[in-house]
Amino acid sequence: MYSRKPAKEVKRELIKLGVNYYILEESLCVSRKKPGCSMPEIWDVEDPANSGKIPLCTLMSKDSRPYFITVFENSNYRVLKVVKE
């Protein structure tokens, strides 16, 4: 969820793992104690093909549909339900 992979791909992998709900800690998406240390920047090292795209966690904080449904949120966390087809 903290990578820059497409939501559809992340959803597919979560379903394979049997995940029904995902708890997204938004501070991990934007934490910048040092340049290059946020979760999306760390993922760029592992997944350079998606580097430069908007992090999925940023997109999920704006609108989780159609692949996920936000069922709870507060100032720290967002609980996303994985939409199963």
PDB file of N, CA and C in Angstrom:
ATOM      1  N   MET A   1       0.832  -1.188   0.000  1.00  0.00           N
ATOM      2  CA  MET A   1       0.000   0.000   0.000  1.00  0.00           C
ATOM      3  C   MET A   1       0.879   1.255   0.000  1.00  0.00           C
ATOM      4  N   TYR A   2       2.106   1.136   0.440  1.00  0.00           N
ATOM      5  CA  TYR A   2       2.991   2.300   0.496  1.00  0.00           C
ATOM      6  C   TYR A   2       3.858   2.419  -0.748  1.00  0.00           C
ATOM      7  N   SER A   3       3.680   1.508  -1.677  1.00  0.00           N
ATOM      8  CA  SER A   3       4.427   1.582  -2.931  1.00  0.00           C
ATOM      9  C   SER A   3       3.680   2.495  -3.900  1.00  0.00           C
ATOM     10  N   ARG A   4       4.129   2.497  -5.123  1.00  0.00           N
ATOM     11  CA  ARG A   4       3.482   3.292  -6.167  1.00  0.00           C
ATOM     12  C   ARG A   4       2.793   2.387  -7.189  1.00  0.00           C
ATOM     13  N   LYS A   5       2.596   1.131  -6.803  1.00  0.00           N
ATOM     14  CA  LYS A   5       1.932   0.174  -7.684  1.00  0.00           C
ATOM     15  C   LYS A   5       0.467   0.565  -7.878  1.00  0.00           C
ATOM     16  N   PRO A   6      -0.129   0.152  -9.001  1.00  0.00           N
ATOM     17  CA  PRO A   6      -1.556   0.440  -9.215  1.00  0.00           C
ATOM     18  C   PRO A   6      -2.435  -0.249  -8.165  1.00  0.00           C
ATOM     19  N   ALA A   7      -3.527   0.412  -7.784  1.00  0.00           N
ATOM     20  CA  ALA A   7      -4.443  -0.125  -6.772  1.00  0.00           C
ATOM     21  C   ALA A   7      -4.976  -1.497  -7.170  1.00  0.00           C
ATOM     22  N   LYS A   8      -5.252  -1.683  -8.438  1.00  0.00           N
ATOM     23  CA  LYS A   8      -5.792  -2.963  -8.919  1.00  0.00           C
ATOM     24  C   LYS A   8      -4.814  -4.104  -8.645  1.00  0.00           C
ATOM     25  N   GLU A   9      -3.531  -3.848  -8.851  1.00  0.00           N
ATOM     26  CA  GLU A   9      -2.499  -4.856  -8.607  1.00  0.00           C
ATOM     27  C   GLU A   9      -2.366  -5.156  -7.113  1.00  0.00           C
ATOM     28  N   VAL A  10      -2.373  -4.132  -6.295  1.00  0.00           N
ATOM     29  CA  VAL A  10      -2.268  -4.313  -4.843  1.00  0.00           C
ATOM     30  C   VAL A  10      -3.478  -5.087  -4.325  1.00  0.00           C
ATOM     31  N   LYS A  11      -4.658  -4.726  -4.810  1.00  0.00           N
ATOM     32  CA  LYS A  11      -5.881  -5.432  -4.409  1.00  0.00           C
ATOM     33  C   LYS A  11      -5.779  -6.916  -4.754  1.00  0.00           C
ATOM     34  N   ARG A  12      -5.336  -7.211  -5.963  1.00  0.00           N
ATOM     35  CA  ARG A  12      -5.215  -8.604  -6.405  1.00  0.00           C
ATOM     36  C   ARG A  12      -4.288  -9.397  -5.475  1.00  0.00           C
ATOM     37  N   GLU A  13      -3.172  -8.807  -5.102  1.00  0.00           N
ATOM     38  CA  GLU A  13      -2.214  -9.484  -4.222  1.00  0.00           C
ATOM     39  C   GLU A  13      -2.788  -9.661  -2.815  1.00  0.00           C
ATOM     40  N   LEU A  14      -3.515  -8.662  -2.312  1.00  0.00           N
ATOM     41  CA  LEU A  14      -4.128  -8.783  -0.987  1.00  0.00           C
ATOM     42  C   LEU A  14      -5.178  -9.894  -0.974  1.00  0.00           C
ATOM     43  N   ILE A  15      -5.953 -10.001  -2.042  1.00  0.00           N
ATOM     44  CA  ILE A  15      -6.951 -11.072  -2.131  1.00  0.00           C
ATOM     45  C   ILE A  15      -6.264 -12.432  -2.134  1.00  0.00           C
ATOM     46  N   LYS A  16      -5.153 -12.557  -2.853  1.00  0.00           N
ATOM     47  CA  LYS A  16      -4.390 -13.822  -2.865  1.00  0.00           C
ATOM     48  C   LYS A  16      -3.951 -14.209  -1.456  1.00  0.00           C
ATOM     49  N   LEU A  17      -3.656 -13.209  -0.643  1.00  0.00           N
ATOM     50  CA  LEU A  17      -3.209 -13.452   0.736  1.00  0.00           C
ATOM     51  C   LEU A  17      -4.378 -13.662   1.697  1.00  0.00           C
ATOM     52  N   GLY A  18      -5.607 -13.518   1.213  1.00  0.00           N
ATOM     53  CA  GLY A  18      -6.775 -13.703   2.053  1.00  0.00           C
ATOM     54  C   GLY A  18      -7.107 -12.505   2.917  1.00  0.00           C
ATOM     55  N   VAL A  19      -6.640 -11.331   2.537  1.00  0.00           N
ATOM     56  CA  VAL A  19      -6.868 -10.119   3.320  1.00  0.00           C
ATOM     57  C   VAL A  19      -8.269  -9.578   3.042  1.00  0.00           C
ATOM     58  N   ASN A  20      -9.006  -9.263   4.098  1.00  0.00           N
ATOM     59  CA  ASN A  20     -10.327  -8.641   3.971  1.00  0.00           C
ATOM     60  C   ASN A  20     -10.285  -7.151   4.278  1.00  0.00           C
ATOM     61  N   TYR A  21      -9.433  -6.762   5.238  1.00  0.00           N
ATOM     62  CA  TYR A  21      -9.306  -5.368   5.650  1.00  0.00           C
ATOM     63  C   TYR A  21      -7.834  -5.017   5.739  1.00  0.00           C
ATOM     64  N   TYR A  22      -7.532  -3.763   5.449  1.00  0.00           N
ATOM     65  CA  TYR A  22      -6.153  -3.287   5.518  1.00  0.00           C
ATOM     66  C   TYR A  22      -6.146  -2.016   6.364  1.00  0.00           C
ATOM     67  N   ILE A  23      -5.252  -1.956   7.333  1.00  0.00           N
ATOM     68  CA  ILE A  23      -5.121  -0.765   8.169  1.00  0.00           C
ATOM     69  C   ILE A  23      -3.971   0.064   7.609  1.00  0.00           C
ATOM     70  N   LEU A  24      -4.310   1.236   7.119  1.00  0.00           N
ATOM     71  CA  LEU A  24      -3.343   2.133   6.500  1.00  0.00           C
ATOM     72  C   LEU A  24      -2.961   3.214   7.497  1.00  0.00           C
ATOM     73  N   GLU A  25      -1.706   3.225   7.895  1.00  0.00           N
ATOM     74  CA  GLU A  25      -1.211   4.273   8.792  1.00  0.00           C
ATOM     75  C   GLU A  25      -0.666   5.388   7.916  1.00  0.00           C
ATOM     76  N   GLU A  26      -1.395   6.471   7.864  1.00  0.00           N
ATOM     77  CA  GLU A  26      -1.079   7.533   6.923  1.00  0.00           C
ATOM     78  C   GLU A  26       0.261   8.220   7.197  1.00  0.00           C
ATOM     79  N   SER A  27       0.707   8.234   8.451  1.00  0.00           N
ATOM     80  CA  SER A  27       1.983   8.888   8.752  1.00  0.00           C
ATOM     81  C   SER A  27       3.155   8.181   8.074  1.00  0.00           C
ATOM     82  N   LEU A  28       3.035   6.887   7.831  1.00  0.00           N
ATOM     83  CA  LEU A  28       4.105   6.164   7.146  1.00  0.00           C
ATOM     84  C   LEU A  28       4.218   6.574   5.685  1.00  0.00           C
ATOM     85  N   CYS A  29       3.136   7.091   5.161  1.00  0.00           N
ATOM     86  CA  CYS A  29       3.126   7.520   3.764  1.00  0.00           C
ATOM     87  C   CYS A  29       3.870   8.840   3.581  1.00  0.00           C
ATOM     88  N   VAL A  30       3.760   9.713   4.552  1.00  0.00           N
ATOM     89  CA  VAL A  30       4.303  11.066   4.398  1.00  0.00           C
ATOM     90  C   VAL A  30       5.504  11.360   5.298  1.00  0.00           C
ATOM     91  N   SER A  31       5.855  10.450   6.173  1.00  0.00           N
ATOM     92  CA  SER A  31       6.959  10.675   7.111  1.00  0.00           C
ATOM     93  C   SER A  31       8.244  10.993   6.360  1.00  0.00           C
ATOM     94  N   ARG A  32       8.863  12.106   6.730  1.00  0.00           N
ATOM     95  CA  ARG A  32      10.091  12.503   6.058  1.00  0.00           C
ATOM     96  C   ARG A  32      11.102  12.989   7.085  1.00  0.00           C
ATOM     97  N   LYS A  33      11.566  12.081   7.901  1.00  0.00           N
ATOM     98  CA  LYS A  33      12.577  12.472   8.878  1.00  0.00           C
ATOM     99  C   LYS A  33      13.875  12.815   8.164  1.00  0.00           C
ATOM    100  N   LYS A  34      14.170  12.044   7.115  1.00  0.00           N
ATOM    101  CA  LYS A  34      15.332  12.315   6.269  1.00  0.00           C
ATOM    102  C   LYS A  34      14.915  12.072   4.824  1.00  0.00           C
ATOM    103  N   PRO A  35      15.448  12.836   3.887  1.00  0.00           N
ATOM    104  CA  PRO A  35      15.112  12.590   2.480  1.00  0.00           C
ATOM    105  C   PRO A  35      15.437  11.140   2.092  1.00  0.00           C
ATOM    106  N   GLY A  36      14.513  10.530   1.368  1.00  0.00           N
ATOM    107  CA  GLY A  36      14.719   9.159   0.922  1.00  0.00           C
ATOM    108  C   GLY A  36      14.256   8.107   1.906  1.00  0.00           C
ATOM    109  N   CYS A  37      13.676   8.519   3.038  1.00  0.00           N
ATOM    110  CA  CYS A  37      13.311   7.560   4.081  1.00  0.00           C
ATOM    111  C   CYS A  37      11.809   7.339   4.238  1.00  0.00           C
ATOM    112  N   SER A  38      10.976   7.976   3.428  1.00  0.00           N
ATOM    113  CA  SER A  38       9.541   7.687   3.520  1.00  0.00           C
ATOM    114  C   SER A  38       9.303   6.311   2.912  1.00  0.00           C
ATOM    115  N   MET A  39       8.211   5.672   3.278  1.00  0.00           N
ATOM    116  CA  MET A  39       7.914   4.334   2.750  1.00  0.00           C
ATOM    117  C   MET A  39       7.836   4.319   1.221  1.00  0.00           C
ATOM    118  N   PRO A  40       7.175   5.291   0.571  1.00  0.00           N
ATOM    119  CA  PRO A  40       7.167   5.273  -0.892  1.00  0.00           C
ATOM    120  C   PRO A  40       8.578   5.387  -1.489  1.00  0.00           C
ATOM    121  N   GLU A  41       9.440   6.186  -0.876  1.00  0.00           N
ATOM    122  CA  GLU A  41      10.811   6.321  -1.386  1.00  0.00           C
ATOM    123  C   GLU A  41      11.607   5.035  -1.190  1.00  0.00           C
ATOM    124  N   ILE A  42      11.371   4.350  -0.090  1.00  0.00           N
ATOM    125  CA  ILE A  42      12.033   3.066   0.142  1.00  0.00           C
ATOM    126  C   ILE A  42      11.559   2.053  -0.893  1.00  0.00           C
ATOM    127  N   TRP A  43      10.252   2.051  -1.185  1.00  0.00           N
ATOM    128  CA  TRP A  43       9.709   1.147  -2.207  1.00  0.00           C
ATOM    129  C   TRP A  43      10.293   1.435  -3.578  1.00  0.00           C
ATOM    130  N   ASP A  44      10.661   2.688  -3.853  1.00  0.00           N
ATOM    131  CA  ASP A  44      11.253   3.022  -5.149  1.00  0.00           C
ATOM    132  C   ASP A  44      12.519   2.218  -5.420  1.00  0.00           C
ATOM    133  N   VAL A  45      13.244   1.883  -4.363  1.00  0.00           N
ATOM    134  CA  VAL A  45      14.457   1.084  -4.512  1.00  0.00           C
ATOM    135  C   VAL A  45      14.104  -0.336  -4.953  1.00  0.00           C
ATOM    136  N   GLU A  46      13.030  -0.887  -4.378  1.00  0.00           N
ATOM    137  CA  GLU A  46      12.591  -2.252  -4.686  1.00  0.00           C
ATOM    138  C   GLU A  46      11.802  -2.339  -5.988  1.00  0.00           C
ATOM    139  N   ASP A  47      11.157  -1.271  -6.370  1.00  0.00           N
ATOM    140  CA  ASP A  47      10.253  -1.280  -7.515  1.00  0.00           C
ATOM    141  C   ASP A  47      10.501  -0.049  -8.395  1.00  0.00           C
ATOM    142  N   PRO A  48      11.667   0.030  -9.033  1.00  0.00           N
ATOM    143  CA  PRO A  48      11.995   1.225  -9.813  1.00  0.00           C
ATOM    144  C   PRO A  48      11.072   1.455 -11.012  1.00  0.00           C
ATOM    145  N   ALA A  49      10.386   0.416 -11.482  1.00  0.00           N
ATOM    146  CA  ALA A  49       9.480   0.572 -12.625  1.00  0.00           C
ATOM    147  C   ALA A  49       8.329   1.526 -12.311  1.00  0.00           C
ATOM    148  N   ASN A  50       7.945   1.642 -11.052  1.00  0.00           N
ATOM    149  CA  ASN A  50       6.842   2.517 -10.661  1.00  0.00           C
ATOM    150  C   ASN A  50       7.305   3.822 -10.017  1.00  0.00           C
ATOM    151  N   SER A  51       8.604   4.006  -9.920  1.00  0.00           N
ATOM    152  CA  SER A  51       9.164   5.222  -9.325  1.00  0.00           C
ATOM    153  C   SER A  51       8.656   6.455 -10.087  1.00  0.00           C
ATOM    154  N   GLY A  52       8.336   7.491  -9.347  1.00  0.00           N
ATOM    155  CA  GLY A  52       7.868   8.722  -9.966  1.00  0.00           C
ATOM    156  C   GLY A  52       6.354   8.842 -10.016  1.00  0.00           C
ATOM    157  N   LYS A  53       5.642   7.733  -9.824  1.00  0.00           N
ATOM    158  CA  LYS A  53       4.182   7.774  -9.785  1.00  0.00           C
ATOM    159  C   LYS A  53       3.732   8.239  -8.400  1.00  0.00           C
ATOM    160  N   ILE A  54       2.474   8.598  -8.289  1.00  0.00           N
ATOM    161  CA  ILE A  54       1.914   9.007  -6.999  1.00  0.00           C
ATOM    162  C   ILE A  54       1.813   7.770  -6.108  1.00  0.00           C
ATOM    163  N   PRO A  55       2.264   7.845  -4.848  1.00  0.00           N
ATOM    164  CA  PRO A  55       2.152   6.687  -3.954  1.00  0.00           C
ATOM    165  C   PRO A  55       0.691   6.275  -3.763  1.00  0.00           C
ATOM    166  N   LEU A  56       0.452   4.972  -3.729  1.00  0.00           N
ATOM    167  CA  LEU A  56      -0.903   4.459  -3.558  1.00  0.00           C
ATOM    168  C   LEU A  56      -1.512   4.951  -2.248  1.00  0.00           C
ATOM    169  N   CYS A  57      -0.721   5.038  -1.195  1.00  0.00           N
ATOM    170  CA  CYS A  57      -1.251   5.502   0.090  1.00  0.00           C
ATOM    171  C   CYS A  57      -1.788   6.931  -0.014  1.00  0.00           C
ATOM    172  N   THR A  58      -1.190   7.764  -0.827  1.00  0.00           N
ATOM    173  CA  THR A  58      -1.680   9.125  -1.045  1.00  0.00           C
ATOM    174  C   THR A  58      -3.023   9.083  -1.764  1.00  0.00           C
ATOM    175  N   LEU A  59      -3.123   8.236  -2.771  1.00  0.00           N
ATOM    176  CA  LEU A  59      -4.382   8.098  -3.508  1.00  0.00           C
ATOM    177  C   LEU A  59      -5.485   7.558  -2.603  1.00  0.00           C
ATOM    178  N   MET A  60      -5.145   6.599  -1.738  1.00  0.00           N
ATOM    179  CA  MET A  60      -6.133   5.998  -0.838  1.00  0.00           C
ATOM    180  C   MET A  60      -6.641   7.002   0.183  1.00  0.00           C
ATOM    181  N   SER A  61      -5.818   7.965   0.563  1.00  0.00           N
ATOM    182  CA  SER A  61      -6.261   8.956   1.543  1.00  0.00           C
ATOM    183  C   SER A  61      -7.264   9.940   0.932  1.00  0.00           C
ATOM    184  N   LYS A  62      -7.293  10.035  -0.393  1.00  0.00           N
ATOM    185  CA  LYS A  62      -8.245  10.920  -1.067  1.00  0.00           C
ATOM    186  C   LYS A  62      -9.520  10.175  -1.441  1.00  0.00           C
ATOM    187  N   ASP A  63      -9.373   8.999  -2.058  1.00  0.00           N
ATOM    188  CA  ASP A  63     -10.529   8.213  -2.488  1.00  0.00           C
ATOM    189  C   ASP A  63     -10.086   6.774  -2.685  1.00  0.00           C
ATOM    190  N   SER A  64     -10.613   5.869  -1.879  1.00  0.00           N
ATOM    191  CA  SER A  64     -10.176   4.472  -1.926  1.00  0.00           C
ATOM    192  C   SER A  64     -10.933   3.641  -2.962  1.00  0.00           C
ATOM    193  N   ARG A  65     -11.989   4.192  -3.524  1.00  0.00           N
ATOM    194  CA  ARG A  65     -12.794   3.446  -4.490  1.00  0.00           C
ATOM    195  C   ARG A  65     -12.103   3.355  -5.840  1.00  0.00           C
ATOM    196  N   PRO A  66     -12.348   2.376  -6.664  1.00  0.00           N
ATOM    197  CA  PRO A  66     -13.332   1.309  -6.555  1.00  0.00           C
ATOM    198  C   PRO A  66     -12.770   0.020  -5.958  1.00  0.00           C
ATOM    199  N   TYR A  67     -11.485  -0.023  -5.665  1.00  0.00           N
ATOM    200  CA  TYR A  67     -10.861  -1.272  -5.234  1.00  0.00           C
ATOM    201  C   TYR A  67     -10.941  -1.519  -3.731  1.00  0.00           C
ATOM    202  N   PHE A  68     -11.137  -0.441  -2.968  1.00  0.00           N
ATOM    203  CA  PHE A  68     -11.225  -0.520  -1.518  1.00  0.00           C
ATOM    204  C   PHE A  68     -12.352   0.400  -1.053  1.00  0.00           C
ATOM    205  N   ILE A  69     -12.906   0.096   0.114  1.00  0.00           N
ATOM    206  CA  ILE A  69     -13.920   0.961   0.720  1.00  0.00           C
ATOM    207  C   ILE A  69     -13.406   1.381   2.085  1.00  0.00           C
ATOM    208  N   THR A  70     -13.378   2.671   2.340  1.00  0.00           N
ATOM    209  CA  THR A  70     -12.979   3.160   3.656  1.00  0.00           C
ATOM    210  C   THR A  70     -14.124   2.904   4.630  1.00  0.00           C
ATOM    211  N   VAL A  71     -13.856   2.092   5.656  1.00  0.00           N
ATOM    212  CA  VAL A  71     -14.900   1.758   6.631  1.00  0.00           C
ATOM    213  C   VAL A  71     -14.686   2.477   7.964  1.00  0.00           C
ATOM    214  N   PHE A  72     -13.493   3.025   8.171  1.00  0.00           N
ATOM    215  CA  PHE A  72     -13.204   3.781   9.390  1.00  0.00           C
ATOM    216  C   PHE A  72     -11.999   4.660   9.115  1.00  0.00           C
ATOM    217  N   GLU A  73     -12.002   5.850   9.711  1.00  0.00           N
ATOM    218  CA  GLU A  73     -10.811   6.695   9.645  1.00  0.00           C
ATOM    219  C   GLU A  73     -10.787   7.645  10.829  1.00  0.00           C
ATOM    220  N   ASN A  74      -9.573   7.944  11.270  1.00  0.00           N
ATOM    221  CA  ASN A  74      -9.367   8.977  12.273  1.00  0.00           C
ATOM    222  C   ASN A  74      -8.133   9.758  11.832  1.00  0.00           C
ATOM    223  N   SER A  75      -7.545  10.512  12.707  1.00  0.00           N
ATOM    224  CA  SER A  75      -6.409  11.346  12.300  1.00  0.00           C
ATOM    225  C   SER A  75      -5.131  10.544  12.048  1.00  0.00           C
ATOM    226  N   ASN A  76      -5.101   9.277  12.441  1.00  0.00           N
ATOM    227  CA  ASN A  76      -3.895   8.462  12.270  1.00  0.00           C
ATOM    228  C   ASN A  76      -4.047   7.291  11.308  1.00  0.00           C
ATOM    229  N   TYR A  77      -5.212   6.682  11.314  1.00  0.00           N
ATOM    230  CA  TYR A  77      -5.414   5.438  10.575  1.00  0.00           C
ATOM    231  C   TYR A  77      -6.634   5.499   9.674  1.00  0.00           C
ATOM    232  N   ARG A  78      -6.610   4.638   8.687  1.00  0.00           N
ATOM    233  CA  ARG A  78      -7.748   4.447   7.796  1.00  0.00           C
ATOM    234  C   ARG A  78      -7.891   2.937   7.620  1.00  0.00           C
ATOM    235  N   VAL A  79      -9.079   2.404   7.851  1.00  0.00           N
ATOM    236  CA  VAL A  79      -9.329   0.981   7.648  1.00  0.00           C
ATOM    237  C   VAL A  79     -10.031   0.831   6.308  1.00  0.00           C
ATOM    238  N   LEU A  80      -9.400   0.062   5.429  1.00  0.00           N
ATOM    239  CA  LEU A  80      -9.926  -0.148   4.094  1.00  0.00           C
ATOM    240  C   LEU A  80     -10.428  -1.584   3.964  1.00  0.00           C
ATOM    241  N   LYS A  81     -11.617  -1.737   3.431  1.00  0.00           N
ATOM    242  CA  LYS A  81     -12.155  -3.057   3.148  1.00  0.00           C
ATOM    243  C   LYS A  81     -11.786  -3.381   1.712  1.00  0.00           C
ATOM    244  N   VAL A  82     -11.247  -4.571   1.492  1.00  0.00           N
ATOM    245  CA  VAL A  82     -10.889  -5.004   0.150  1.00  0.00           C
ATOM    246  C   VAL A  82     -12.173  -5.422  -0.567  1.00  0.00           C
ATOM    247  N   VAL A  83     -12.480  -4.762  -1.672  1.00  0.00           N
ATOM    248  CA  VAL A  83     -13.686  -5.081  -2.445  1.00  0.00           C
ATOM    249  C   VAL A  83     -13.439  -6.369  -3.219  1.00  0.00           C
ATOM    250  N   LYS A  84     -14.265  -7.358  -2.951  1.00  0.00           N
ATOM    251  CA  LYS A  84     -14.135  -8.638  -3.652  1.00  0.00           C
ATOM    252  C   LYS A  84     -15.196  -8.692  -4.741  1.00  0.00           C
ATOM    253  N   GLU A  85     -14.812  -9.177  -5.882  1.00  0.00           N
ATOM    254  CA  GLU A  85     -15.743  -9.201  -7.020  1.00  0.00           C
ATOM    255  C   GLU A  85     -16.477 -10.504  -7.104  1.00  0.00           C
TER     256      GLU A  85
END
